[in-house]
Protein backbone atom coordinates (compact mmCIF):
# COMPACT_ATOMS: atom_id res chain seq x y z
CA MET A 1 40.82 19.74 17.57
CA PRO A 2 38.65 20.83 14.59
CA SER A 3 37.77 18.19 12.05
CA ARG A 4 39.54 18.35 8.73
CA VAL A 5 37.41 18.35 5.59
CA LEU A 6 38.92 17.08 2.38
CA PRO A 7 37.77 18.64 -0.91
CA GLU A 8 36.33 15.36 -2.23
CA TRP A 9 34.16 14.87 0.86
CA LEU A 10 30.49 15.75 0.55
CA MET A 11 29.15 17.88 3.33
CA ILE A 12 25.61 16.78 4.16
CA SER A 13 23.24 17.39 7.01
CA VAL A 14 20.19 15.20 7.33
CA HIS A 15 18.99 17.50 10.09
CA LYS A 16 19.13 20.61 7.87
CA GLY A 17 18.57 18.77 4.59
CA SER A 18 21.64 20.35 3.03
CA GLY A 19 23.89 18.49 0.63
CA LEU A 20 21.40 15.70 -0.09
CA GLN A 21 20.99 16.74 -3.74
CA ALA A 22 24.77 16.64 -4.21
CA LEU A 23 24.85 13.19 -2.58
CA ASP A 24 22.15 11.96 -4.94
CA GLU A 25 24.02 13.37 -7.95
CA ASN A 26 27.31 11.76 -6.85
CA ILE A 27 25.69 8.35 -6.31
CA SER A 28 23.99 8.61 -9.72
CA ALA A 29 27.31 9.50 -11.36
CA LEU A 30 29.07 6.55 -9.69
CA ILE A 31 26.36 4.17 -10.87
CA ALA A 32 26.47 5.62 -14.40
CA ASP A 33 30.24 5.00 -14.52
CA VAL A 34 29.72 1.29 -13.77
CA LEU A 35 26.78 0.57 -16.08
CA PRO A 36 27.20 0.03 -19.81
CA LYS A 37 26.62 3.27 -21.72
CA ASP A 38 24.68 1.83 -24.66
CA GLU A 39 22.33 -0.66 -23.04
CA ALA A 40 20.36 -1.33 -19.89
CA PRO A 41 21.63 -4.11 -17.64
CA LEU A 42 20.00 -7.41 -18.45
CA LEU A 43 18.40 -9.35 -15.64
CA THR A 44 18.39 -12.97 -16.75
CA ARG A 45 17.17 -14.63 -13.58
CA GLN A 46 13.73 -14.27 -12.05
CA ARG A 47 15.35 -14.10 -8.62
CA HIS A 48 17.41 -11.06 -9.67
CA LEU A 49 14.39 -9.31 -11.13
CA SER A 50 12.44 -10.00 -7.95
CA GLN A 51 15.20 -8.55 -5.76
CA VAL A 52 15.50 -5.44 -7.94
CA LYS A 53 11.75 -4.89 -7.59
CA ILE A 54 12.03 -5.28 -3.81
CA ALA A 55 14.93 -2.81 -3.72
CA ALA A 56 13.07 -0.29 -5.89
CA GLU A 57 10.00 -0.50 -3.65
CA ALA A 58 12.14 -0.07 -0.53
CA LEU A 59 13.85 2.99 -2.08
CA ARG A 60 10.46 4.50 -2.94
CA ASP A 61 9.39 3.89 0.65
CA ALA A 62 12.60 5.51 1.94
CA ALA A 63 12.04 8.55 -0.27
CA SER A 64 8.54 8.96 1.18
CA HIS A 65 9.96 9.66 4.66
CA HIS A 66 11.41 13.03 5.58
CA PRO A 67 14.77 12.52 7.32
CA ASN A 68 13.85 14.92 10.11
CA ASP A 69 10.51 13.25 10.85
CA ALA A 70 11.26 9.53 10.58
CA PRO A 71 14.97 8.78 10.16
CA GLU A 72 14.55 5.30 11.64
CA LEU A 73 11.90 4.40 9.05
CA MET A 74 14.06 5.74 6.24
CA ALA A 75 17.05 3.77 7.57
CA GLU A 76 15.00 0.56 7.68
CA ASP A 77 13.82 1.05 4.10
CA LEU A 78 17.41 1.68 2.96
CA ARG A 79 18.50 -1.48 4.81
CA ARG A 80 15.80 -3.47 2.98
CA ALA A 81 17.02 -2.11 -0.36
CA ALA A 82 20.65 -2.89 0.45
CA THR A 83 19.75 -6.42 1.55
CA ALA A 84 17.81 -7.07 -1.67
CA LEU A 85 20.70 -5.85 -3.81
CA GLY A 86 23.13 -7.83 -1.66
CA ARG A 87 21.23 -10.98 -2.53
CA ILE A 88 22.06 -10.32 -6.20
CA SER A 89 25.70 -9.38 -5.69
CA GLY A 90 26.42 -12.28 -3.37
CA HIS A 91 26.61 -10.35 -0.12
CA VAL A 92 23.93 -12.28 1.71
CA ASP A 93 23.58 -14.35 4.81
CA VAL A 94 24.44 -17.99 4.12
CA GLU A 95 21.30 -19.22 5.90
CA ASP A 96 19.11 -17.05 3.66
CA LEU A 97 20.80 -18.45 0.58
CA LEU A 98 20.42 -22.05 1.72
CA ASP A 99 16.76 -21.47 2.55
CA HIS A 100 16.21 -20.08 -0.95
CA ILE A 101 18.03 -22.96 -2.66
CA PHE A 102 16.33 -25.74 -0.71
CA SER A 103 12.88 -24.17 -1.01
CA ARG A 104 13.05 -25.05 -4.73
CA PHE A 105 13.66 -28.77 -4.16
CA CYS A 106 11.22 -31.41 -3.08
CA ILE A 107 13.17 -33.53 -0.62
CA GLY A 108 11.41 -36.49 0.86
CA LYS A 109 10.05 -39.92 0.04
């Protein structure tokens, strides 16, 4: 049975490199719809700023890999970026969060 393609689906091929520009444009448009139009998002916590920097670095690293040559390296960099952003949005592992919280306290004597 042939697969059905809906009009709103993006057709991409990492192997051929086709459709990646359209994917990038669609992701950018989705992000632009969520962000305020007249101002940049304000990062008020050092932890958030740190995680955004980690995510940006991971995305730069991912962009440095060609999908045909090193897809596993690109995937790992994208995972690092997603994890960093997840730490801001609340989608993190509980153990990671507890480690972060308790690393700021001096518990003892």
